[in-house]
Amino acid sequence: MSALAYGIQLPVQSQSTLYTEPWETEAGPKDLVAVARAADAAGFAYVACCDHVGIPRRLAPAMSTVWYDPVATLAHLAAVTARVRLLSHVAVVGLRHPLLTAKQYATLDHLSGGRLVLGVGAGHVREEFEALGADFERRGAVLDECIDALRAALGPDEFPEHHGKRYDFAGLGQRPRPAQPYVPLWVGGSSPAAVRRAALKGDGWLPQGDPRERLPAVVARLRALREEAGVEAPCTIGAITEPLYVGRPGWDVGRRTVSGPPRVLAESLRAYRAMGVDQIQVRFRSRGRTELTDQMAAFGAEVAPDL
């Protein structure tokens, strides 16, 4: 059994009240660069960035309006890192024509030397869709076709071709092509429809934050769906862990946080591997950028070897 890979959703770039630490509200590009470099040095598999175009006033108190653009952010961080992969978690691809999405992300993959993982999801903010002229009510079906269109548009052909119900294109050349011969496409979401989509169309699954006790059943369902459909390619199963703190915290990190010596964290996290999970997305409690990057370094050096 191979070791668990571990990645991180970047701080600062999205500031929902569900997970943002107080210090992030005053942070900016230099902090993002420092965290991305720390991830690169500590063996993290990826750094991830969210996607929202605009937040309506009714949701702004909870979600905030701070949502960095994923393509711009990941491209900026690609230039200051060497090996860590760049994940959109997730791109709401139904908001844009797939040729536009392909142009942006193919360029990102080309510039980064083939480090893109394209995570996609259906989205949930009605006003965002309406403002952009996108179909909110049928966003699941739109996403299904977008995935097929993106498979074509991010493939090796300079002149990709797709003929579907909503999108139809051929004879339009796009270069540069992605550096990777095959861009991994991970599907996000934990609804039955999202799990089915990940099983039938994805190279990986990005859950919405399912608690541990729910994961085994969902993983089993995903694998059964793939087997029934005759999909033989591997699927990278993900999980989002509880908040973590390496060592004994000298402050209140919250009752859900898993903290303690590295061996305690490693033992707790190995349970995910036993459930069939391939990669975990971790988030550390921190009071500032330095504490966060120190936590990341400690995790890479002292916890990860026992995963």
C-alpha atoms as a PDB file:
ATOM      1  CA  MET A   1       0.000   0.000   0.000  1.00  0.00           C
ATOM      2  CA  SER A   2       1.489   3.322  -1.076  1.00  0.00           C
ATOM      3  CA  ALA A   3       1.825   6.303   1.244  1.00  0.00           C
ATOM      4  CA  LEU A   4      -0.842   8.964   1.435  1.00  0.00           C
ATOM      5  CA  ALA A   5      -0.173  12.037  -0.668  1.00  0.00           C
ATOM      6  CA  TYR A   6      -0.956  15.329   1.036  1.00  0.00           C
ATOM      7  CA  GLY A   7      -1.916  18.720  -0.340  1.00  0.00           C
ATOM      8  CA  ILE A   8      -3.239  22.019   0.959  1.00  0.00           C
ATOM      9  CA  GLN A   9      -5.926  24.530   0.090  1.00  0.00           C
ATOM     10  CA  LEU A  10      -4.035  27.808   0.168  1.00  0.00           C
ATOM     11  CA  PRO A  11      -4.874  30.363   2.849  1.00  0.00           C
ATOM     12  CA  VAL A  12      -5.594  34.004   1.992  1.00  0.00           C
ATOM     13  CA  GLN A  13      -6.982  33.297  -1.506  1.00  0.00           C
ATOM     14  CA  SER A  14     -10.463  32.484  -0.177  1.00  0.00           C
ATOM     15  CA  GLN A  15     -11.758  33.857   3.083  1.00  0.00           C
ATOM     16  CA  SER A  16     -14.994  32.125   4.017  1.00  0.00           C
ATOM     17  CA  THR A  17     -15.764  32.460   7.724  1.00  0.00           C
ATOM     18  CA  LEU A  18     -15.966  28.656   7.888  1.00  0.00           C
ATOM     19  CA  TYR A  19     -12.192  28.282   7.832  1.00  0.00           C
ATOM     20  CA  THR A  20     -10.300  31.578   7.601  1.00  0.00           C
ATOM     21  CA  GLU A  21      -7.823  32.379  10.366  1.00  0.00           C
ATOM     22  CA  PRO A  22      -7.893  36.012  11.629  1.00  0.00           C
ATOM     23  CA  TRP A  23      -4.417  36.813  10.308  1.00  0.00           C
ATOM     24  CA  GLU A  24      -5.447  36.050   6.720  1.00  0.00           C
ATOM     25  CA  THR A  25      -7.663  39.130   6.429  1.00  0.00           C
ATOM     26  CA  GLU A  26      -4.606  41.397   6.359  1.00  0.00           C
ATOM     27  CA  ALA A  27      -2.435  39.022   4.315  1.00  0.00           C
ATOM     28  CA  GLY A  28      -1.672  39.230   0.615  1.00  0.00           C
ATOM     29  CA  PRO A  29       0.523  38.074  -2.285  1.00  0.00           C
ATOM     30  CA  LYS A  30       3.775  37.815  -0.305  1.00  0.00           C
ATOM     31  CA  ASP A  31       2.091  35.498   2.177  1.00  0.00           C
ATOM     32  CA  LEU A  32       0.689  33.312  -0.604  1.00  0.00           C
ATOM     33  CA  VAL A  33       4.142  33.021  -2.146  1.00  0.00           C
ATOM     34  CA  ALA A  34       5.687  32.060   1.210  1.00  0.00           C
ATOM     35  CA  VAL A  35       3.077  29.360   1.811  1.00  0.00           C
ATOM     36  CA  ALA A  36       3.409  27.958  -1.717  1.00  0.00           C
ATOM     37  CA  ARG A  37       7.185  27.792  -1.344  1.00  0.00           C
ATOM     38  CA  ALA A  38       6.791  26.075   2.028  1.00  0.00           C
ATOM     39  CA  ALA A  39       4.508  23.495   0.389  1.00  0.00           C
ATOM     40  CA  ASP A  40       7.036  22.972  -2.388  1.00  0.00           C
ATOM     41  CA  ALA A  41       9.838  22.399   0.120  1.00  0.00           C
ATOM     42  CA  ALA A  42       7.831  20.156   2.458  1.00  0.00           C
ATOM     43  CA  GLY A  43       6.759  17.606  -0.127  1.00  0.00           C
ATOM     44  CA  PHE A  44       3.140  18.666  -0.540  1.00  0.00           C
ATOM     45  CA  ALA A  45       1.550  17.126  -3.620  1.00  0.00           C
ATOM     46  CA  TYR A  46      -0.388  20.260  -4.535  1.00  0.00           C
ATOM     47  CA  VAL A  47      -1.510  23.726  -3.590  1.00  0.00           C
ATOM     48  CA  ALA A  48      -5.148  24.515  -4.347  1.00  0.00           C
ATOM     49  CA  CYS A  49      -7.184  27.609  -5.158  1.00  0.00           C
ATOM     50  CA  CYS A  50     -10.983  28.131  -5.272  1.00  0.00           C
ATOM     51  CA  ASP A  51     -13.162  29.733  -7.940  1.00  0.00           C
ATOM     52  CA  HIS A  52     -15.874  32.365  -7.519  1.00  0.00           C
ATOM     53  CA  VAL A  53     -16.481  35.297  -9.863  1.00  0.00           C
ATOM     54  CA  GLY A  54     -18.740  37.309  -7.565  1.00  0.00           C
ATOM     55  CA  ILE A  55     -20.469  36.843  -4.216  1.00  0.00           C
ATOM     56  CA  PRO A  56     -24.009  38.219  -3.731  1.00  0.00           C
ATOM     57  CA  ARG A  57     -24.713  40.483  -0.777  1.00  0.00           C
ATOM     58  CA  ARG A  58     -26.875  37.836   0.914  1.00  0.00           C
ATOM     59  CA  LEU A  59     -23.900  35.462   1.146  1.00  0.00           C
ATOM     60  CA  ALA A  60     -21.076  37.974   1.631  1.00  0.00           C
ATOM     61  CA  PRO A  61     -21.203  38.016   5.487  1.00  0.00           C
ATOM     62  CA  ALA A  62     -20.461  34.271   5.586  1.00  0.00           C
ATOM     63  CA  MET A  63     -18.465  33.707   2.410  1.00  0.00           C
ATOM     64  CA  SER A  64     -16.758  37.139   2.207  1.00  0.00           C
ATOM     65  CA  THR A  65     -15.987  38.611  -1.194  1.00  0.00           C
ATOM     66  CA  VAL A  66     -12.296  37.603  -1.145  1.00  0.00           C
ATOM     67  CA  TRP A  67     -11.891  34.894  -3.776  1.00  0.00           C
ATOM     68  CA  TYR A  68      -8.716  35.128  -5.848  1.00  0.00           C
ATOM     69  CA  ASP A  69      -8.969  33.987  -9.459  1.00  0.00           C
ATOM     70  CA  PRO A  70      -7.531  30.456  -9.622  1.00  0.00           C
ATOM     71  CA  VAL A  71      -5.782  30.732 -12.994  1.00  0.00           C
ATOM     72  CA  ALA A  72      -4.060  34.014 -12.166  1.00  0.00           C
ATOM     73  CA  THR A  73      -3.141  32.862  -8.657  1.00  0.00           C
ATOM     74  CA  LEU A  74      -1.811  29.441  -9.640  1.00  0.00           C
ATOM     75  CA  ALA A  75       0.156  30.916 -12.544  1.00  0.00           C
ATOM     76  CA  HIS A  76       1.759  33.420 -10.192  1.00  0.00           C
ATOM     77  CA  LEU A  77       2.687  30.652  -7.765  1.00  0.00           C
ATOM     78  CA  ALA A  78       3.949  28.392 -10.542  1.00  0.00           C
ATOM     79  CA  ALA A  79       6.663  30.947 -11.206  1.00  0.00           C
ATOM     80  CA  VAL A  80       7.975  30.814  -7.624  1.00  0.00           C
ATOM     81  CA  THR A  81       7.817  27.035  -7.069  1.00  0.00           C
ATOM     82  CA  ALA A  82       9.516  24.087  -8.717  1.00  0.00           C
ATOM     83  CA  ARG A  83       7.631  20.831  -8.185  1.00  0.00           C
ATOM     84  CA  VAL A  84       4.340  21.208  -6.319  1.00  0.00           C
ATOM     85  CA  ARG A  85       1.253  20.636  -8.474  1.00  0.00           C
ATOM     86  CA  LEU A  86      -1.373  23.325  -9.062  1.00  0.00           C
ATOM     87  CA  LEU A  87      -4.980  22.332  -8.325  1.00  0.00           C
ATOM     88  CA  SER A  88      -8.194  24.222  -8.988  1.00  0.00           C
ATOM     89  CA  HIS A  89     -10.409  23.141  -6.105  1.00  0.00           C
ATOM     90  CA  VAL A  90     -12.714  23.634  -7.782  1.00  0.00           C
ATOM     91  CA  ALA A  91     -13.153  25.499 -11.052  1.00  0.00           C
ATOM     92  CA  VAL A  92     -16.838  26.158 -11.715  1.00  0.00           C
ATOM     93  CA  VAL A  93     -16.397  25.407 -15.400  1.00  0.00           C
ATOM     94  CA  GLY A  94     -20.089  25.848 -16.247  1.00  0.00           C
ATOM     95  CA  LEU A  95     -19.637  29.606 -15.828  1.00  0.00           C
ATOM     96  CA  ARG A  96     -17.437  29.788 -18.930  1.00  0.00           C
ATOM     97  CA  HIS A  97     -17.294  28.332 -22.405  1.00  0.00           C
ATOM     98  CA  PRO A  98     -15.038  25.244 -22.341  1.00  0.00           C
ATOM     99  CA  LEU A  99     -12.781  26.684 -25.057  1.00  0.00           C
ATOM    100  CA  LEU A 100     -12.082  29.671 -22.827  1.00  0.00           C
ATOM    101  CA  THR A 101     -11.435  27.404 -19.834  1.00  0.00           C
ATOM    102  CA  ALA A 102      -9.161  25.213 -21.951  1.00  0.00           C
ATOM    103  CA  LYS A 103      -7.179  28.209 -23.222  1.00  0.00           C
ATOM    104  CA  GLN A 104      -6.560  29.453 -19.682  1.00  0.00           C
ATOM    105  CA  TYR A 105      -5.654  26.137 -18.099  1.00  0.00           C
ATOM    106  CA  ALA A 106      -3.652  24.810 -21.068  1.00  0.00           C
ATOM    107  CA  THR A 107      -1.531  27.947 -20.853  1.00  0.00           C
ATOM    108  CA  LEU A 108      -1.119  27.448 -17.101  1.00  0.00           C
ATOM    109  CA  ASP A 109      -0.003  23.853 -17.640  1.00  0.00           C
ATOM    110  CA  HIS A 110       2.392  24.919 -20.387  1.00  0.00           C
ATOM    111  CA  LEU A 111       3.934  27.702 -18.292  1.00  0.00           C
ATOM    112  CA  SER A 112       4.273  25.506 -15.199  1.00  0.00           C
ATOM    113  CA  GLY A 113       5.933  22.622 -17.012  1.00  0.00           C
ATOM    114  CA  GLY A 114       2.976  20.266 -16.668  1.00  0.00           C
ATOM    115  CA  ARG A 115       1.898  20.731 -13.064  1.00  0.00           C
ATOM    116  CA  LEU A 116      -1.845  21.356 -13.478  1.00  0.00           C
ATOM    117  CA  VAL A 117      -4.559  19.236 -11.873  1.00  0.00           C
ATOM    118  CA  LEU A 118      -7.923  20.526 -13.070  1.00  0.00           C
ATOM    119  CA  GLY A 119     -10.542  20.150 -10.351  1.00  0.00           C
ATOM    120  CA  VAL A 120     -14.079  20.928 -11.500  1.00  0.00           C
ATOM    121  CA  GLY A 121     -17.430  21.356  -9.781  1.00  0.00           C
ATOM    122  CA  ALA A 122     -21.016  22.373 -10.481  1.00  0.00           C
ATOM    123  CA  GLY A 123     -21.128  25.543  -8.352  1.00  0.00           C
ATOM    124  CA  HIS A 124     -23.839  26.687  -5.959  1.00  0.00           C
ATOM    125  CA  VAL A 125     -24.310  30.469  -6.164  1.00  0.00           C
ATOM    126  CA  ARG A 126     -27.367  31.241  -8.307  1.00  0.00           C
ATOM    127  CA  GLU A 127     -26.666  34.958  -8.732  1.00  0.00           C
ATOM    128  CA  GLU A 128     -23.203  34.215 -10.085  1.00  0.00           C
ATOM    129  CA  PHE A 129     -24.659  32.072 -12.870  1.00  0.00           C
ATOM    130  CA  GLU A 130     -27.419  34.558 -13.661  1.00  0.00           C
ATOM    131  CA  ALA A 131     -25.023  37.505 -13.936  1.00  0.00           C
ATOM    132  CA  LEU A 132     -22.833  35.588 -16.395  1.00  0.00           C
ATOM    133  CA  GLY A 133     -25.715  34.203 -18.426  1.00  0.00           C
ATOM    134  CA  ALA A 134     -25.013  30.608 -17.342  1.00  0.00           C
ATOM    135  CA  ASP A 135     -27.654  27.940 -16.662  1.00  0.00           C
ATOM    136  CA  PHE A 136     -27.967  27.452 -12.906  1.00  0.00           C
ATOM    137  CA  GLU A 137     -30.915  25.051 -12.937  1.00  0.00           C
ATOM    138  CA  ARG A 138     -29.186  22.612 -15.292  1.00  0.00           C
ATOM    139  CA  ARG A 139     -25.658  23.162 -14.051  1.00  0.00           C
ATOM    140  CA  GLY A 140     -25.101  19.437 -13.453  1.00  0.00           C
ATOM    141  CA  ALA A 141     -25.847  18.551 -17.061  1.00  0.00           C
ATOM    142  CA  VAL A 142     -23.760  21.513 -18.209  1.00  0.00           C
ATOM    143  CA  LEU A 143     -20.839  20.284 -16.114  1.00  0.00           C
ATOM    144  CA  ASP A 144     -21.145  16.797 -17.607  1.00  0.00           C
ATOM    145  CA  GLU A 145     -20.785  18.197 -21.100  1.00  0.00           C
ATOM    146  CA  CYS A 146     -18.057  20.635 -20.055  1.00  0.00           C
ATOM    147  CA  ILE A 147     -15.977  17.697 -18.828  1.00  0.00           C
ATOM    148  CA  ASP A 148     -16.317  15.968 -22.192  1.00  0.00           C
ATOM    149  CA  ALA A 149     -15.500  19.187 -24.039  1.00  0.00           C
ATOM    150  CA  LEU A 150     -12.481  19.863 -21.821  1.00  0.00           C
ATOM    151  CA  ARG A 151     -11.165  16.345 -22.392  1.00  0.00           C
ATOM    152  CA  ALA A 152     -11.054  17.199 -26.082  1.00  0.00           C
ATOM    153  CA  ALA A 153      -9.820  20.759 -25.703  1.00  0.00           C
ATOM    154  CA  LEU A 154      -7.006  19.833 -23.277  1.00  0.00           C
ATOM    155  CA  GLY A 155      -5.892  16.828 -25.312  1.00  0.00           C
ATOM    156  CA  PRO A 156      -3.041  16.650 -27.804  1.00  0.00           C
ATOM    157  CA  ASP A 157      -4.918  18.031 -30.825  1.00  0.00           C
ATOM    158  CA  GLU A 158      -4.090  21.570 -31.895  1.00  0.00           C
ATOM    159  CA  PHE A 159      -7.581  21.788 -33.407  1.00  0.00           C
ATOM    160  CA  PRO A 160      -9.825  20.110 -30.806  1.00  0.00           C
ATOM    161  CA  GLU A 161     -13.319  19.001 -31.714  1.00  0.00           C
ATOM    162  CA  HIS A 162     -16.486  18.568 -29.660  1.00  0.00           C
ATOM    163  CA  HIS A 163     -20.109  18.272 -30.749  1.00  0.00           C
ATOM    164  CA  GLY A 164     -22.646  18.372 -27.916  1.00  0.00           C
ATOM    165  CA  LYS A 165     -26.030  19.761 -26.934  1.00  0.00           C
ATOM    166  CA  ARG A 166     -24.672  23.079 -25.634  1.00  0.00           C
ATOM    167  CA  TYR A 167     -21.200  23.396 -27.074  1.00  0.00           C
ATOM    168  CA  ASP A 168     -20.079  22.715 -30.606  1.00  0.00           C
ATOM    169  CA  PHE A 169     -16.625  23.509 -31.887  1.00  0.00           C
ATOM    170  CA  ALA A 170     -14.125  22.333 -34.482  1.00  0.00           C
ATOM    171  CA  GLY A 171     -11.446  23.886 -36.648  1.00  0.00           C
ATOM    172  CA  LEU A 172     -10.270  26.379 -34.021  1.00  0.00           C
ATOM    173  CA  GLY A 173      -6.593  25.950 -33.172  1.00  0.00           C
ATOM    174  CA  GLN A 174      -5.304  26.535 -29.662  1.00  0.00           C
ATOM    175  CA  ARG A 175      -1.642  26.747 -28.786  1.00  0.00           C
ATOM    176  CA  PRO A 176       0.254  26.417 -26.567  1.00  0.00           C
ATOM    177  CA  ARG A 177      -0.915  22.912 -25.798  1.00  0.00           C
ATOM    178  CA  PRO A 178      -0.655  21.563 -22.233  1.00  0.00           C
ATOM    179  CA  ALA A 179       2.793  20.283 -21.314  1.00  0.00           C
ATOM    180  CA  GLN A 180       1.220  17.108 -19.974  1.00  0.00           C
ATOM    181  CA  PRO A 181       0.005  14.574 -22.512  1.00  0.00           C
ATOM    182  CA  TYR A 182      -3.009  14.031 -20.249  1.00  0.00           C
ATOM    183  CA  VAL A 183      -4.239  16.654 -17.781  1.00  0.00           C
ATOM    184  CA  PRO A 184      -5.735  14.957 -14.661  1.00  0.00           C
ATOM    185  CA  LEU A 185      -9.351  15.977 -14.136  1.00  0.00           C
ATOM    186  CA  TRP A 186     -10.740  15.624 -10.625  1.00  0.00           C
ATOM    187  CA  VAL A 187     -14.440  16.055  -9.911  1.00  0.00           C
ATOM    188  CA  GLY A 188     -15.546  17.823  -6.737  1.00  0.00           C
ATOM    189  CA  GLY A 189     -18.668  17.418  -4.641  1.00  0.00           C
ATOM    190  CA  SER A 190     -20.298  14.962  -2.277  1.00  0.00           C
ATOM    191  CA  SER A 191     -23.875  14.780  -3.547  1.00  0.00           C
ATOM    192  CA  PRO A 192     -24.946  11.484  -5.159  1.00  0.00           C
ATOM    193  CA  ALA A 193     -24.804  13.180  -8.570  1.00  0.00           C
ATOM    194  CA  ALA A 194     -21.287  14.495  -7.938  1.00  0.00           C
ATOM    195  CA  VAL A 195     -20.024  11.105  -6.768  1.00  0.00           C
ATOM    196  CA  ARG A 196     -21.528   9.458  -9.838  1.00  0.00           C
ATOM    197  CA  ARG A 197     -19.925  12.103 -12.051  1.00  0.00           C
ATOM    198  CA  ALA A 198     -16.548  11.521 -10.424  1.00  0.00           C
ATOM    199  CA  ALA A 199     -16.929   7.777 -10.864  1.00  0.00           C
ATOM    200  CA  LEU A 200     -17.877   7.894 -14.523  1.00  0.00           C
ATOM    201  CA  LYS A 201     -15.978  10.932 -15.787  1.00  0.00           C
ATOM    202  CA  GLY A 202     -13.176  11.776 -13.367  1.00  0.00           C
ATOM    203  CA  ASP A 203      -9.572  10.837 -12.808  1.00  0.00           C
ATOM    204  CA  GLY A 204     -10.093  11.729  -9.145  1.00  0.00           C
ATOM    205  CA  TRP A 205     -12.708  12.696  -6.581  1.00  0.00           C
ATOM    206  CA  LEU A 206     -12.571  15.784  -4.358  1.00  0.00           C
ATOM    207  CA  PRO A 207     -15.113  15.470  -1.535  1.00  0.00           C
ATOM    208  CA  GLN A 208     -16.801  18.451   0.022  1.00  0.00           C
ATOM    209  CA  GLY A 209     -15.523  17.664   3.513  1.00  0.00           C
ATOM    210  CA  ASP A 210     -17.288  14.430   4.371  1.00  0.00           C
ATOM    211  CA  PRO A 211     -16.699  13.294   7.964  1.00  0.00           C
ATOM    212  CA  ARG A 212     -14.607  10.172   8.395  1.00  0.00           C
ATOM    213  CA  GLU A 213     -17.530   7.933   9.217  1.00  0.00           C
ATOM    214  CA  ARG A 214     -19.188   8.669   5.860  1.00  0.00           C
ATOM    215  CA  LEU A 215     -16.166   8.160   3.646  1.00  0.00           C
ATOM    216  CA  PRO A 216     -15.959   4.341   3.434  1.00  0.00           C
ATOM    217  CA  ALA A 217     -19.502   4.025   2.084  1.00  0.00           C
ATOM    218  CA  VAL A 218     -18.973   6.798  -0.467  1.00  0.00           C
ATOM    219  CA  VAL A 219     -15.658   5.344  -1.619  1.00  0.00           C
ATOM    220  CA  ALA A 220     -17.264   1.923  -2.002  1.00  0.00           C
ATOM    221  CA  ARG A 221     -20.110   3.449  -4.016  1.00  0.00           C
ATOM    222  CA  LEU A 222     -17.702   5.315  -6.290  1.00  0.00           C
ATOM    223  CA  ARG A 223     -15.672   2.200  -6.977  1.00  0.00           C
ATOM    224  CA  ALA A 224     -18.789   0.103  -7.595  1.00  0.00           C
ATOM    225  CA  LEU A 225     -20.025   2.647 -10.139  1.00  0.00           C
ATOM    226  CA  ARG A 226     -16.712   2.566 -11.972  1.00  0.00           C
ATOM    227  CA  GLU A 227     -16.674  -1.209 -12.015  1.00  0.00           C
ATOM    228  CA  GLU A 228     -20.259  -1.387 -13.307  1.00  0.00           C
ATOM    229  CA  ALA A 229     -19.370   1.055 -16.078  1.00  0.00           C
ATOM    230  CA  GLY A 230     -16.214  -0.836 -16.975  1.00  0.00           C
ATOM    231  CA  VAL A 231     -13.913   2.079 -16.126  1.00  0.00           C
ATOM    232  CA  GLU A 232     -10.528   0.482 -15.489  1.00  0.00           C
ATOM    233  CA  ALA A 233      -8.321   3.558 -15.113  1.00  0.00           C
ATOM    234  CA  PRO A 234      -7.250   4.433 -11.560  1.00  0.00           C
ATOM    235  CA  CYS A 235      -9.157   7.138  -9.683  1.00  0.00           C
ATOM    236  CA  THR A 236      -7.430   9.320  -7.089  1.00  0.00           C
ATOM    237  CA  ILE A 237      -9.695   9.373  -4.027  1.00  0.00           C
ATOM    238  CA  GLY A 238      -9.406  12.446  -1.836  1.00  0.00           C
ATOM    239  CA  ALA A 239     -10.416  13.465   1.677  1.00  0.00           C
ATOM    240  CA  ILE A 240     -10.349  16.721   3.620  1.00  0.00           C
ATOM    241  CA  THR A 241      -8.974  16.133   7.094  1.00  0.00           C
ATOM    242  CA  GLU A 242      -9.882  17.732  10.380  1.00  0.00           C
ATOM    243  CA  PRO A 243      -7.822  20.835  11.252  1.00  0.00           C
ATOM    244  CA  LEU A 244      -4.320  19.840  12.368  1.00  0.00           C
ATOM    245  CA  TYR A 245      -1.641  21.146  14.705  1.00  0.00           C
ATOM    246  CA  VAL A 246       1.746  19.423  14.926  1.00  0.00           C
ATOM    247  CA  GLY A 247       2.928  19.382  18.547  1.00  0.00           C
ATOM    248  CA  ARG A 248       1.355  20.622  21.732  1.00  0.00           C
ATOM    249  CA  PRO A 249      -0.467  23.903  21.056  1.00  0.00           C
ATOM    250  CA  GLY A 250      -0.100  26.684  23.585  1.00  0.00           C
ATOM    251  CA  TRP A 251      -3.439  28.154  22.587  1.00  0.00           C
ATOM    252  CA  ASP A 252      -7.005  27.016  21.957  1.00  0.00           C
ATOM    253  CA  VAL A 253      -7.014  25.301  18.572  1.00  0.00           C
ATOM    254  CA  GLY A 254     -10.597  24.043  18.860  1.00  0.00           C
ATOM    255  CA  ARG A 255     -12.037  20.717  19.890  1.00  0.00           C
ATOM    256  CA  ARG A 256     -12.093  19.270  16.343  1.00  0.00           C
ATOM    257  CA  THR A 257      -8.401  19.879  15.772  1.00  0.00           C
ATOM    258  CA  VAL A 258      -6.141  16.830  15.781  1.00  0.00           C
ATOM    259  CA  SER A 259      -2.995  17.834  17.651  1.00  0.00           C
ATOM    260  CA  GLY A 260      -0.074  16.210  19.421  1.00  0.00           C
ATOM    261  CA  PRO A 261       3.258  14.588  18.623  1.00  0.00           C
ATOM    262  CA  PRO A 262       3.922  13.684  14.979  1.00  0.00           C
ATOM    263  CA  ARG A 263       3.317   9.972  15.598  1.00  0.00           C
ATOM    264  CA  VAL A 264      -0.163  10.744  16.963  1.00  0.00           C
ATOM    265  CA  LEU A 265      -1.088  12.746  13.878  1.00  0.00           C
ATOM    266  CA  ALA A 266       0.353  10.093  11.568  1.00  0.00           C
ATOM    267  CA  GLU A 267      -1.582   7.338  13.278  1.00  0.00           C
ATOM    268  CA  SER A 268      -4.803   9.328  13.008  1.00  0.00           C
ATOM    269  CA  LEU A 269      -4.279  10.160   9.344  1.00  0.00           C
ATOM    270  CA  ARG A 270      -3.299   6.620   8.319  1.00  0.00           C
ATOM    271  CA  ALA A 271      -6.928   5.692   8.954  1.00  0.00           C
ATOM    272  CA  TYR A 272      -7.779   7.521   5.741  1.00  0.00           C
ATOM    273  CA  ARG A 273      -5.527   5.190   3.756  1.00  0.00           C
ATOM    274  CA  ALA A 274      -7.328   2.215   5.256  1.00  0.00           C
ATOM    275  CA  MET A 275     -10.592   3.669   3.906  1.00  0.00           C
ATOM    276  CA  GLY A 276      -9.194   3.675   0.372  1.00  0.00           C
ATOM    277  CA  VAL A 277      -8.165   7.344   0.281  1.00  0.00           C
ATOM    278  CA  ASP A 278      -5.165   8.250  -1.899  1.00  0.00           C
ATOM    279  CA  GLN A 279      -4.633  11.903  -1.022  1.00  0.00           C
ATOM    280  CA  ILE A 280      -5.587  14.074   1.934  1.00  0.00           C
ATOM    281  CA  GLN A 281      -6.075  17.815   1.946  1.00  0.00           C
ATOM    282  CA  VAL A 282      -4.774  19.209   5.218  1.00  0.00           C
ATOM    283  CA  ARG A 283      -5.338  22.541   6.941  1.00  0.00           C
ATOM    284  CA  PHE A 284      -3.345  23.758   9.933  1.00  0.00           C
ATOM    285  CA  ARG A 285      -4.499  26.035  12.723  1.00  0.00           C
ATOM    286  CA  SER A 286      -2.235  29.059  12.868  1.00  0.00           C
ATOM    287  CA  ARG A 287      -1.990  32.586  14.248  1.00  0.00           C
ATOM    288  CA  GLY A 288       0.213  33.935  11.497  1.00  0.00           C
ATOM    289  CA  ARG A 289       2.094  33.077   8.337  1.00  0.00           C
ATOM    290  CA  THR A 290       5.246  31.982  10.131  1.00  0.00           C
ATOM    291  CA  GLU A 291       3.373  29.611  12.411  1.00  0.00           C
ATOM    292  CA  LEU A 292       1.626  28.142   9.369  1.00  0.00           C
ATOM    293  CA  THR A 293       4.807  27.587   7.375  1.00  0.00           C
ATOM    294  CA  ASP A 294       6.497  26.128  10.467  1.00  0.00           C
ATOM    295  CA  GLN A 295       3.563  23.731  10.830  1.00  0.00           C
ATOM    296  CA  MET A 296       3.847  22.735   7.188  1.00  0.00           C
ATOM    297  CA  ALA A 297       7.584  22.107   7.507  1.00  0.00           C
ATOM    298  CA  ALA A 298       7.070  20.013  10.642  1.00  0.00           C
ATOM    299  CA  PHE A 299       4.338  18.009   8.950  1.00  0.00           C
ATOM    300  CA  GLY A 300       6.521  17.280   5.916  1.00  0.00           C
ATOM    301  CA  ALA A 301       9.555  16.321   7.996  1.00  0.00           C
ATOM    302  CA  GLU A 302       7.996  14.516  10.948  1.00  0.00           C
ATOM    303  CA  VAL A 303       4.479  13.346  10.051  1.00  0.00           C
ATOM    304  CA  ALA A 304       4.554  12.574   6.328  1.00  0.00           C
ATOM    305  CA  PRO A 305       7.266   9.859   6.522  1.00  0.00           C
ATOM    306  CA  ASP A 306       4.870   7.752   8.641  1.00  0.00           C
ATOM    307  CA  LEU A 307       1.909   8.111   6.290  1.00  0.00           C
END
